[in-house]
């Protein structure tokens, strides 16, 4: 069954109310050494809040990583003890995956403690944008449970998608297979980046920098996929019915949504008329809100009966938004 037409049966998470969160404190800690598979040392220091001079009103569960040691989690700026790039949460929000200051793929607790190097960068590569692929076992079809991390690896100038078990310790990533749907022809094997997984079947979307298109990949019953539309930086909705992505319009990056779950394949600009750049979109766990980045801060848009509302600035803090469970 194609992921393009499959409908997820996962229960919808109830939308959380927004909370007033205050960042405060002025703790500074020394950088911790990278973990070799055990607990990261200095976990007490990792939970220290960084200094902040403003109050943030952000939706519950929304976190922001900005390429420094500090990640905004639960209203505090948490020191993870290492550079944190491209942080992503597992579906339960119990573990964070990110690229550390040494270019390795790490997993940690939400406060940065118990950091484990899942895969060590061999050198000469640039890793980015990990995403979790977590599915339950399907005994009826003989499919085991999955707990994987898929990420982008830039090797000798070419970007490819690789994967590794999220429970690995210094594991060895493997290239992700990219086979086309029947009669769709061969898919590009390089130039692929920005993977994002959604739904209970582990379906993923990604961009190809050469074709300028967004692709979908399904490996539940058999591995297959194909192009969806022109765009970049895609994120798959939790029910696998929509994908939000970025597309340039008159010199600015707009957000578009492709509604392909019902077979209609309707593509709509949800930020028409914008005079700034909206990038790096992500869905809330209930599929009702999209958070994204702008030059002036982090914004959200909420679904309405007629599409999406207007962008709302939730904080001036700029970074990669991600929802925690």
Protein backbone atom coordinates (compact mmCIF):
# COMPACT_ATOMS: atom_id res chain seq x y z
CA UNK A 1 0.00 0.00 0.00
CA UNK A 2 1.46 3.36 -1.00
CA UNK A 3 2.21 5.88 1.74
CA UNK A 4 0.71 8.50 -0.55
CA UNK A 5 -2.74 6.97 -0.06
CA UNK A 6 -2.47 5.20 3.29
CA UNK A 7 -4.36 6.79 6.15
CA UNK A 8 -2.85 6.57 9.60
CA UNK A 9 -4.99 5.21 12.45
CA UNK A 10 -2.92 6.75 15.20
CA UNK A 11 -4.84 8.50 17.96
CA UNK A 12 -4.68 12.28 17.86
CA UNK A 13 -2.94 13.94 20.76
CA UNK A 14 -5.04 16.58 22.47
CA UNK A 15 -3.80 20.09 21.76
CA UNK A 16 -1.95 21.66 24.67
CA UNK A 17 -2.72 25.13 25.87
CA UNK A 18 -0.05 27.78 25.53
CA UNK A 19 1.93 28.60 28.65
CA UNK A 20 3.76 31.67 29.83
CA UNK A 21 7.38 30.64 30.17
CA UNK A 22 10.12 32.76 31.68
CA UNK A 23 13.78 32.22 30.94
CA UNK A 24 16.02 33.27 33.81
CA UNK A 25 19.32 32.49 35.50
CA UNK A 26 22.91 33.12 34.56
CA UNK A 27 24.76 29.84 34.91
CA UNK A 28 27.78 29.18 32.72
CA UNK A 29 29.43 25.77 32.55
CA UNK A 30 32.53 24.28 30.99
CA UNK A 31 32.06 22.12 27.91
CA UNK A 32 31.72 18.46 28.78
CA UNK A 33 33.77 15.82 26.96
CA UNK A 34 31.85 13.81 24.34
CA UNK A 35 30.28 10.62 25.66
CA UNK A 36 31.78 7.31 24.60
CA UNK A 37 28.55 5.43 25.17
CA UNK A 38 27.94 6.02 28.85
CA UNK A 39 26.42 8.86 30.78
CA UNK A 40 27.82 12.28 29.99
CA UNK A 41 29.70 13.73 32.93
CA UNK A 42 28.61 16.88 34.62
CA UNK A 43 24.88 16.28 34.14
CA UNK A 44 24.14 18.63 36.99
CA UNK A 45 25.76 21.43 35.04
CA UNK A 46 23.83 20.52 31.93
CA UNK A 47 20.50 21.46 33.49
CA UNK A 48 21.64 24.97 34.36
CA UNK A 49 19.56 27.75 32.81
CA UNK A 50 21.35 30.27 30.61
CA UNK A 51 20.93 34.01 31.11
CA UNK A 52 17.92 35.65 29.49
CA UNK A 53 16.42 39.11 29.68
CA UNK A 54 12.99 38.52 28.20
CA UNK A 55 9.83 36.56 28.81
CA UNK A 56 8.59 34.07 26.23
CA UNK A 57 5.03 33.01 25.56
CA UNK A 58 5.33 29.81 23.55
CA UNK A 59 3.06 26.84 22.83
CA UNK A 60 3.45 23.91 25.16
CA UNK A 61 6.04 21.42 23.97
CA UNK A 62 7.74 23.71 21.44
CA UNK A 63 11.54 23.67 21.77
CA UNK A 64 14.20 25.69 19.97
CA UNK A 65 17.82 24.82 19.20
CA UNK A 66 20.07 27.49 17.73
CA UNK A 67 23.42 25.78 17.16
CA UNK A 68 24.82 26.69 20.59
CA UNK A 69 25.09 24.58 23.75
CA UNK A 70 21.71 25.81 24.93
CA UNK A 71 18.27 24.52 23.96
CA UNK A 72 14.99 26.09 25.05
CA UNK A 73 13.11 23.24 26.75
CA UNK A 74 10.08 23.67 29.03
CA UNK A 75 10.67 27.38 29.36
CA UNK A 76 14.33 27.10 30.32
CA UNK A 77 17.53 27.42 28.35
CA UNK A 78 19.20 24.08 29.04
CA UNK A 79 22.96 23.64 28.71
CA UNK A 80 23.50 20.29 26.95
CA UNK A 81 27.25 20.37 27.56
CA UNK A 82 28.09 20.42 23.86
CA UNK A 83 27.06 22.22 20.71
CA UNK A 84 23.57 21.10 19.70
CA UNK A 85 22.57 21.26 16.03
CA UNK A 86 19.31 20.16 14.44
CA UNK A 87 17.68 18.73 17.56
CA UNK A 88 14.74 16.35 17.07
CA UNK A 89 12.58 14.49 19.60
CA UNK A 90 11.37 10.91 19.60
CA UNK A 91 7.56 10.56 19.48
CA UNK A 92 7.26 10.26 23.25
CA UNK A 93 9.46 13.29 23.91
CA UNK A 94 11.70 11.23 26.20
CA UNK A 95 14.86 11.43 24.08
CA UNK A 96 16.53 14.11 21.96
CA UNK A 97 18.73 13.40 18.94
CA UNK A 98 21.15 15.98 17.57
CA UNK A 99 24.52 16.58 15.95
CA UNK A 100 27.06 17.54 18.60
CA UNK A 101 30.02 19.89 18.48
CA UNK A 102 32.26 17.14 17.15
CA UNK A 103 29.94 16.30 14.26
CA UNK A 104 28.71 13.08 15.90
CA UNK A 105 25.12 11.87 16.18
CA UNK A 106 24.08 11.90 19.85
CA UNK A 107 21.01 10.95 21.86
CA UNK A 108 20.32 12.35 25.32
CA UNK A 109 17.65 12.92 27.92
CA UNK A 110 15.59 16.13 27.61
CA UNK A 111 17.94 17.92 30.01
CA UNK A 112 21.06 16.92 28.08
CA UNK A 113 22.10 14.25 30.57
CA UNK A 114 22.86 10.59 29.79
CA UNK A 115 24.31 11.61 26.44
CA UNK A 116 25.28 8.71 24.20
CA UNK A 117 27.17 8.85 20.90
CA UNK A 118 24.94 6.76 18.66
CA UNK A 119 27.30 7.16 15.69
CA UNK A 120 30.73 8.80 15.57
CA UNK A 121 31.50 10.88 12.51
CA UNK A 122 34.43 9.18 10.73
CA UNK A 123 35.78 12.54 9.58
CA UNK A 124 35.49 14.32 6.27
CA UNK A 125 31.70 14.23 6.52
CA UNK A 126 29.05 16.71 7.61
CA UNK A 127 25.98 15.25 9.28
CA UNK A 128 22.73 17.16 9.76
CA UNK A 129 19.01 17.05 10.46
CA UNK A 130 18.36 13.72 12.20
CA UNK A 131 14.77 12.48 12.43
CA UNK A 132 13.29 9.57 14.40
CA UNK A 133 11.61 6.61 12.71
CA UNK A 134 9.68 4.79 15.43
CA UNK A 135 7.04 2.15 14.67
CA UNK A 136 5.39 -0.68 16.58
CA UNK A 137 5.80 -4.29 15.54
CA UNK A 138 3.23 -5.60 13.04
CA UNK A 139 3.08 -9.32 13.69
CA UNK A 140 0.37 -9.88 11.10
CA UNK A 141 2.74 -8.76 8.35
CA UNK A 142 5.93 -9.98 10.00
CA UNK A 143 7.32 -6.46 10.43
CA UNK A 144 9.50 -5.83 13.50
CA UNK A 145 9.38 -2.67 15.55
CA UNK A 146 11.64 0.18 14.43
CA UNK A 147 13.59 2.70 16.44
CA UNK A 148 15.89 4.34 13.91
CA UNK A 149 17.50 7.68 13.23
CA UNK A 150 17.67 8.91 9.64
CA UNK A 151 19.92 11.86 8.81
CA UNK A 152 21.74 13.69 6.03
CA UNK A 153 25.40 12.93 5.39
CA UNK A 154 27.48 15.17 3.14
CA UNK A 155 30.31 13.04 1.77
CA UNK A 156 32.81 14.34 -0.79
CA UNK A 157 30.40 17.12 -1.73
CA UNK A 158 27.35 14.88 -2.22
CA UNK A 159 24.48 14.62 0.24
CA UNK A 160 22.86 11.25 0.92
CA UNK A 161 20.43 9.84 3.47
CA UNK A 162 21.79 7.42 6.05
CA UNK A 163 20.28 5.60 8.99
CA UNK A 164 21.30 3.89 12.22
CA UNK A 165 19.47 2.26 15.13
CA UNK A 166 18.73 4.86 17.78
CA UNK A 167 19.90 2.48 20.50
CA UNK A 168 23.35 2.02 18.96
CA UNK A 169 26.56 3.01 20.71
CA UNK A 170 29.16 4.11 18.18
CA UNK A 171 27.11 2.34 15.55
CA UNK A 172 27.86 2.34 11.83
CA UNK A 173 25.26 4.17 9.71
CA UNK A 174 24.07 2.60 6.44
CA UNK A 175 22.82 4.23 3.26
CA UNK A 176 19.03 4.51 3.06
CA UNK A 177 17.49 2.73 0.08
CA UNK A 178 15.50 4.92 -2.31
CA UNK A 179 13.44 2.89 -4.77
CA UNK A 180 10.66 4.37 -6.86
CA UNK A 181 7.02 3.41 -6.94
CA UNK A 182 6.01 1.04 -9.75
CA UNK A 183 6.38 2.69 -13.18
CA UNK A 184 7.84 5.86 -11.61
CA UNK A 185 11.40 5.36 -12.79
CA UNK A 186 14.63 5.70 -10.85
CA UNK A 187 14.89 8.19 -8.00
CA UNK A 188 17.96 10.40 -7.44
CA UNK A 189 20.38 8.74 -5.03
CA UNK A 190 22.43 11.84 -4.23
CA UNK A 191 21.47 15.43 -3.48
CA UNK A 192 18.96 14.18 -0.90
CA UNK A 193 18.63 16.05 2.39
CA UNK A 194 16.34 17.28 5.17
CA UNK A 195 14.57 13.98 6.00
CA UNK A 196 11.49 14.03 8.21
CA UNK A 197 9.47 11.04 9.44
CA UNK A 198 5.82 11.05 10.45
CA UNK A 199 2.96 8.71 11.26
CA UNK A 200 2.74 5.25 12.76
CA UNK A 201 4.16 3.52 9.67
CA UNK A 202 7.48 5.39 9.62
CA UNK A 203 6.81 7.21 6.35
CA UNK A 204 9.33 9.91 5.51
CA UNK A 205 9.71 12.93 3.25
CA UNK A 206 12.90 14.62 2.09
CA UNK A 207 14.16 17.18 -0.39
CA UNK A 208 16.47 16.82 -3.35
CA UNK A 209 18.68 19.83 -3.95
CA UNK A 210 19.28 18.98 -7.61
CA UNK A 211 15.71 18.47 -8.78
CA UNK A 212 14.26 21.02 -6.34
CA UNK A 213 11.51 18.58 -5.42
CA UNK A 214 10.07 17.04 -2.28
CA UNK A 215 9.93 13.24 -2.23
CA UNK A 216 8.05 10.72 -0.11
CA UNK A 217 9.47 7.37 1.01
CA UNK A 218 7.58 4.35 2.34
CA UNK A 219 9.35 1.23 3.64
CA UNK A 220 6.54 -0.39 5.62
CA UNK A 221 5.51 -3.32 3.42
CA UNK A 222 8.06 -2.64 0.71
CA UNK A 223 10.39 0.25 0.05
CA UNK A 224 9.02 2.65 -2.55
CA UNK A 225 8.58 6.37 -3.08
CA UNK A 226 8.30 9.22 -5.52
CA UNK A 227 8.26 12.95 -6.09
CA UNK A 228 5.44 15.02 -4.61
CA UNK A 229 6.00 18.64 -5.60
CA UNK A 230 8.57 21.41 -5.99
CA UNK A 231 9.96 22.63 -2.68
CA UNK A 232 12.41 22.11 0.17
CA UNK A 233 12.60 21.54 3.96
CA UNK A 234 9.53 19.27 4.11
CA UNK A 235 7.77 18.08 7.26
CA UNK A 236 5.16 15.33 7.26
CA UNK A 237 1.98 15.76 9.29
CA UNK A 238 1.36 13.22 12.09
CA UNK A 239 -1.58 11.67 10.20
CA UNK A 240 0.52 11.45 6.99
CA UNK A 241 -2.18 13.36 5.10
CA UNK A 242 -0.24 16.58 4.48
CA UNK A 243 3.30 17.82 4.05
CA UNK A 244 4.40 21.39 4.74
CA UNK A 245 7.41 22.69 2.84
CA UNK A 246 9.23 25.83 1.69
CA UNK A 247 9.01 27.32 -1.80
CA UNK A 248 10.38 30.63 -3.07
CA UNK A 249 7.80 33.15 -4.31
CA UNK A 250 8.91 36.53 -5.70
CA UNK A 251 12.19 36.41 -3.80
CA UNK A 252 10.83 35.27 -0.42
CA UNK A 253 10.44 31.84 1.15
CA UNK A 254 6.78 30.95 1.65
CA UNK A 255 5.23 27.97 3.40
CA UNK A 256 3.11 25.62 1.31
CA UNK A 257 1.00 22.62 2.27
CA UNK A 258 0.43 19.67 -0.03
CA UNK A 259 -2.77 17.82 0.86
CA UNK A 260 -2.12 14.46 -0.75
CA UNK A 261 -3.72 12.09 1.75
CA UNK A 262 -7.14 12.14 0.13
CA UNK A 263 -5.73 11.70 -3.36
CA UNK A 264 -6.48 15.29 -4.38
CA UNK A 265 -2.83 16.47 -4.24
CA UNK A 266 -3.86 20.07 -3.55
CA UNK A 267 -0.89 22.42 -3.04
CA UNK A 268 -1.63 25.71 -1.28
CA UNK A 269 0.45 28.72 -0.26
CA UNK A 270 -0.45 29.26 3.41
CA UNK A 271 1.65 32.44 3.74
CA UNK A 272 0.61 34.46 0.68
CA UNK A 273 1.80 38.04 0.49
CA UNK A 274 4.58 37.64 3.03
CA UNK A 275 7.54 39.98 2.65
CA UNK A 276 9.94 37.96 4.79
CA UNK A 277 11.37 34.43 4.74
CA UNK A 278 9.57 31.60 6.54
CA UNK A 279 11.65 28.43 6.81
CA UNK A 280 12.18 25.17 8.74
CA UNK A 281 8.53 24.28 9.42
CA UNK A 282 7.47 21.54 11.84
CA UNK A 283 4.09 20.11 12.91
CA UNK A 284 2.73 19.91 16.43
CA UNK A 285 1.93 16.34 17.58
CA UNK A 286 -1.82 16.91 17.11
CA UNK A 287 -1.34 18.20 13.56
CA UNK A 288 -3.15 21.47 14.29
CA UNK A 289 -0.21 23.87 14.42
CA UNK A 290 2.89 24.53 12.34
CA UNK A 291 5.89 26.21 13.93
CA UNK A 292 8.58 27.79 11.78
CA UNK A 293 11.52 30.13 11.68
CA UNK A 294 11.75 33.73 10.49
CA UNK A 295 14.58 36.27 10.64
CA UNK A 296 12.87 38.03 13.56
CA UNK A 297 12.02 34.98 15.68
CA UNK A 298 9.92 31.84 15.89
CA UNK A 299 6.32 31.82 14.63
CA UNK A 300 3.33 29.49 14.60
CA UNK A 301 0.23 29.08 12.45
CA UNK A 302 -2.89 27.24 13.57
CA UNK A 303 -5.32 25.30 11.42
CA UNK A 304 -8.79 26.76 11.01
CA UNK A 305 -11.97 25.59 9.33
CA UNK A 306 -10.81 27.33 6.15
CA UNK A 307 -7.09 26.54 6.13
CA UNK A 308 -4.54 28.26 8.36
CA UNK A 309 -4.62 31.45 10.39
CA UNK A 310 -2.11 34.25 10.21
CA UNK A 311 1.49 33.77 11.43
CA UNK A 312 1.88 34.57 15.13
CA UNK A 313 5.25 35.44 16.63
CA UNK A 314 5.72 33.38 19.79
CA UNK A 315 9.28 34.42 20.66
CA UNK A 316 12.06 36.58 19.32
CA UNK A 317 14.43 33.67 19.91
CA UNK A 318 15.50 32.34 16.51
CA UNK A 319 16.46 28.75 15.88
CA UNK A 320 15.22 25.38 14.66
CA UNK A 321 11.77 24.70 16.15
CA UNK A 322 10.79 21.18 17.21
CA UNK A 323 7.87 19.80 19.19
CA UNK A 324 8.58 17.53 22.12
CA UNK A 325 5.94 14.77 22.21
